[in-house]
C-alpha atoms as a PDB file:
ATOM      1  CA  MET A   1      22.340  11.971  11.935  1.00  0.00           C
ATOM      2  CA  ARG A   2      23.258   9.681   8.677  1.00  0.00           C
ATOM      3  CA  LYS A   3      20.258   8.565   6.392  1.00  0.00           C
ATOM      4  CA  ARG A   4      20.999   4.551   6.684  1.00  0.00           C
ATOM      5  CA  SER A   5      19.696   2.605   3.426  1.00  0.00           C
ATOM      6  CA  ILE A   6      17.167  -0.515   5.284  1.00  0.00           C
ATOM      7  CA  CYS A   7      16.329  -3.143   2.905  1.00  0.00           C
ATOM      8  CA  ILE A   8      12.273  -3.600   3.534  1.00  0.00           C
ATOM      9  CA  VAL A   9      12.471  -7.414   3.457  1.00  0.00           C
ATOM     10  CA  CYS A  10      15.423  -8.872   5.087  1.00  0.00           C
ATOM     11  CA  LYS A  11      15.534  -5.304   7.763  1.00  0.00           C
ATOM     12  CA  LYS A  12      19.344  -5.005   7.309  1.00  0.00           C
ATOM     13  CA  GLU A  13      21.264  -1.915   6.277  1.00  0.00           C
ATOM     14  CA  ARG A  14      21.793  -2.335   2.668  1.00  0.00           C
ATOM     15  CA  LYS A  15      22.710  -0.668  -0.902  1.00  0.00           C
ATOM     16  CA  GLY A  16      19.638  -1.118  -2.746  1.00  0.00           C
ATOM     17  CA  SER A  17      17.059  -0.324  -5.517  1.00  0.00           C
ATOM     18  CA  LYS A  18      14.755   2.530  -3.794  1.00  0.00           C
ATOM     19  CA  VAL A  19      11.320   2.268  -2.773  1.00  0.00           C
ATOM     20  CA  GLU A  20       8.846   4.501  -4.471  1.00  0.00           C
ATOM     21  CA  ASP A  21       7.551   7.321  -1.910  1.00  0.00           C
ATOM     22  CA  ASP A  22       3.406   7.165  -2.413  1.00  0.00           C
ATOM     23  CA  MET A  23       0.994   8.784  -0.701  1.00  0.00           C
ATOM     24  CA  TYR A  24       0.902   5.551   1.971  1.00  0.00           C
ATOM     25  CA  LEU A  25       4.092   6.018   3.187  1.00  0.00           C
ATOM     26  CA  GLU A  26       4.413   9.894   3.314  1.00  0.00           C
ATOM     27  CA  THR A  27       0.672   9.143   5.514  1.00  0.00           C
ATOM     28  CA  MET A  28       2.624   7.069   7.807  1.00  0.00           C
ATOM     29  CA  ARG A  29       6.112   8.853   7.855  1.00  0.00           C
ATOM     30  CA  LYS A  30       3.290  11.893   9.192  1.00  0.00           C
ATOM     31  CA  ILE A  31       2.086   9.458  11.420  1.00  0.00           C
ATOM     32  CA  LYS A  32       5.540   8.541  13.049  1.00  0.00           C
ATOM     33  CA  GLY A  33       7.033  12.013  12.696  1.00  0.00           C
ATOM     34  CA  LYS A  34       3.865  13.604  15.142  1.00  0.00           C
ATOM     35  CA  LEU A  35       4.247  10.219  17.802  1.00  0.00           C
ATOM     36  CA  ASN A  36       8.084  10.698  17.523  1.00  0.00           C
ATOM     37  CA  VAL A  37       9.167   7.530  16.383  1.00  0.00           C
ATOM     38  CA  LEU A  38      10.262   8.355  13.078  1.00  0.00           C
ATOM     39  CA  ARG A  39      13.836   7.117  11.780  1.00  0.00           C
ATOM     40  CA  ASN A  40      14.184   8.623   8.543  1.00  0.00           C
ATOM     41  CA  ASN A  41      15.880   5.661   6.720  1.00  0.00           C
ATOM     42  CA  THR A  42      15.912   5.608   3.076  1.00  0.00           C
ATOM     43  CA  LEU A  43      13.604   2.685   2.274  1.00  0.00           C
ATOM     44  CA  VAL A  44      15.637   0.197  -0.238  1.00  0.00           C
ATOM     45  CA  VAL A  45      15.446  -3.485  -1.391  1.00  0.00           C
ATOM     46  CA  CYS A  46      18.634  -5.096  -1.906  1.00  0.00           C
ATOM     47  CA  ASP A  47      19.450  -7.175  -4.720  1.00  0.00           C
ATOM     48  CA  GLU A  48      19.172 -10.300  -2.908  1.00  0.00           C
ATOM     49  CA  CYS A  49      15.618  -9.466  -2.058  1.00  0.00           C
ATOM     50  CA  LEU A  50      14.658  -8.233  -5.159  1.00  0.00           C
ATOM     51  CA  PRO A  51      12.591 -11.184  -6.559  1.00  0.00           C
ATOM     52  CA  LYS A  52      10.578 -11.834  -3.032  1.00  0.00           C
ATOM     53  CA  ALA A  53       9.887  -7.966  -2.803  1.00  0.00           C
ATOM     54  CA  GLU A  54       8.360  -8.037  -6.375  1.00  0.00           C
ATOM     55  CA  GLU A  55       6.142 -11.046  -5.573  1.00  0.00           C
ATOM     56  CA  LYS A  56       4.999  -9.494  -2.800  1.00  0.00           C
ATOM     57  CA  ARG A  57       3.711  -6.370  -4.643  1.00  0.00           C
ATOM     58  CA  ARG A  58       2.188  -8.286  -7.317  1.00  0.00           C
ATOM     59  CA  ARG A  59       0.656 -10.140  -4.144  1.00  0.00           C
ATOM     60  CA  PHE A  60      -0.694  -6.568  -2.947  1.00  0.00           C
ATOM     61  CA  GLU A  61      -2.034  -5.636  -6.844  1.00  0.00           C
ATOM     62  CA  GLY A  62      -3.732  -8.594  -7.168  1.00  0.00           C
ATOM     63  CA  THR A  63      -5.558  -7.941  -3.443  1.00  0.00           C
ATOM     64  CA  ILE A  64      -6.563  -4.426  -4.540  1.00  0.00           C
ATOM     65  CA  MET A  65      -8.082  -5.502  -7.574  1.00  0.00           C
ATOM     66  CA  THR A  66     -10.203  -8.008  -5.597  1.00  0.00           C
ATOM     67  CA  PHE A  67     -11.521  -5.947  -2.986  1.00  0.00           C
ATOM     68  CA  GLY A  68     -12.080  -3.554  -5.558  1.00  0.00           C
ATOM     69  CA  VAL A  69     -14.116  -5.759  -7.404  1.00  0.00           C
ATOM     70  CA  LEU A  70     -15.632  -7.094  -3.920  1.00  0.00           C
ATOM     71  CA  ALA A  71     -16.580  -3.338  -3.541  1.00  0.00           C
ATOM     72  CA  THR A  72     -18.344  -2.498  -6.138  1.00  0.00           C
ATOM     73  CA  LEU A  73     -20.338  -5.469  -6.132  1.00  0.00           C
ATOM     74  CA  MET A  74     -21.296  -4.777  -2.286  1.00  0.00           C
ATOM     75  CA  PHE A  75     -22.193  -1.269  -3.631  1.00  0.00           C
ATOM     76  CA  VAL A  76     -23.944  -2.414  -6.401  1.00  0.00           C
ATOM     77  CA  THR A  77     -26.059  -4.889  -4.174  1.00  0.00           C
ATOM     78  CA  PHE A  78     -26.721  -2.118  -1.025  1.00  0.00           C
ATOM     79  CA  ILE A  79     -28.232  -0.215  -4.354  1.00  0.00           C
ATOM     80  CA  ILE A  80     -30.464  -3.057  -6.260  1.00  0.00           C
ATOM     81  CA  LEU A  81     -31.862  -4.249  -2.785  1.00  0.00           C
ATOM     82  CA  SER A  82     -32.715  -0.944  -1.081  1.00  0.00           C
ATOM     83  CA  PRO A  83     -32.842   2.122  -3.720  1.00  0.00           C
ATOM     84  CA  SER A  84     -32.783   4.899  -0.670  1.00  0.00           C
ATOM     85  CA  LEU A  85     -30.301   7.708   0.273  1.00  0.00           C
ATOM     86  CA  PHE A  86     -29.753   5.848   3.212  1.00  0.00           C
ATOM     87  CA  SER A  87     -28.537   2.430   1.145  1.00  0.00           C
ATOM     88  CA  LEU A  88     -26.632   4.809  -1.025  1.00  0.00           C
ATOM     89  CA  ILE A  89     -24.206   5.777   2.134  1.00  0.00           C
ATOM     90  CA  ILE A  90     -24.079   2.374   3.474  1.00  0.00           C
ATOM     91  CA  GLY A  91     -23.057   1.321   0.296  1.00  0.00           C
ATOM     92  CA  ILE A  92     -20.119   3.988  -0.184  1.00  0.00           C
ATOM     93  CA  ILE A  93     -19.168   3.498   3.698  1.00  0.00           C
ATOM     94  CA  VAL A  94     -19.094  -0.352   2.941  1.00  0.00           C
ATOM     95  CA  ALA A  95     -17.302  -0.387  -0.306  1.00  0.00           C
ATOM     96  CA  VAL A  96     -14.417   2.523   1.534  1.00  0.00           C
ATOM     97  CA  ALA A  97     -14.270  -0.194   4.315  1.00  0.00           C
ATOM     98  CA  PHE A  98     -13.097  -3.237   1.409  1.00  0.00           C
ATOM     99  CA  MET A  99     -10.879  -0.632   0.053  1.00  0.00           C
ATOM    100  CA  LEU A 100      -8.994   0.144   3.340  1.00  0.00           C
ATOM    101  CA  LEU A 101      -9.103  -2.995   4.688  1.00  0.00           C
ATOM    102  CA  SER A 102      -6.953  -3.901   1.302  1.00  0.00           C
ATOM    103  CA  LEU A 103      -4.053  -1.348   2.689  1.00  0.00           C
ATOM    104  CA  LEU A 104      -3.181  -4.051   5.529  1.00  0.00           C
ATOM    105  CA  LEU A 105      -1.648  -6.140   2.812  1.00  0.00           C
ATOM    106  CA  TYR A 106       0.284  -2.964   1.685  1.00  0.00           C
ATOM    107  CA  TYR A 107       3.369  -3.256  -0.014  1.00  0.00           C
ATOM    108  CA  PRO A 108       5.443  -0.763  -1.750  1.00  0.00           C
ATOM    109  CA  LYS A 109       6.862  -0.330  -5.112  1.00  0.00           C
ATOM    110  CA  VAL A 110      10.565  -0.733  -5.802  1.00  0.00           C
ATOM    111  CA  GLU A 111      11.821   2.159  -8.430  1.00  0.00           C
ATOM    112  CA  LYS A 112      12.919   0.817 -11.891  1.00  0.00           C
ATOM    113  CA  HIS A 113      15.501   2.797 -13.054  1.00  0.00           C
ATOM    114  CA  GLY A 114      16.887   2.688 -16.704  1.00  0.00           C
ATOM    115  CA  LYS A 115      13.249   1.874 -17.826  1.00  0.00           C
ATOM    116  CA  GLU A 116      10.794   3.238 -19.304  1.00  0.00           C
ATOM    117  CA  ARG A 117       7.781   4.184 -17.817  1.00  0.00           C
END
């Protein structure tokens, strides 16, 4: 079976810049493989959609930062209000929940060929 190159923005079969495989995409592929819905497509961003994809990634990174600050503030608030083991555990759970919520807006990064990293 031939692998198809699918643009993640316009959802059409096109050539373009590859999307970086990260932990989130690998996890999603494993889950889809277990559920037998894996399509084995190569994820790309076509040249026409590249500015839109970069904007979405920039917004996602900003969201991660915002949720990280909120998670830290919630954790510190729980510890300050009630310095106990229970509040420490609840603070950690709430902080992790905030960071997992930010993954709802996940958008993958596009590989940049020929540029210094």
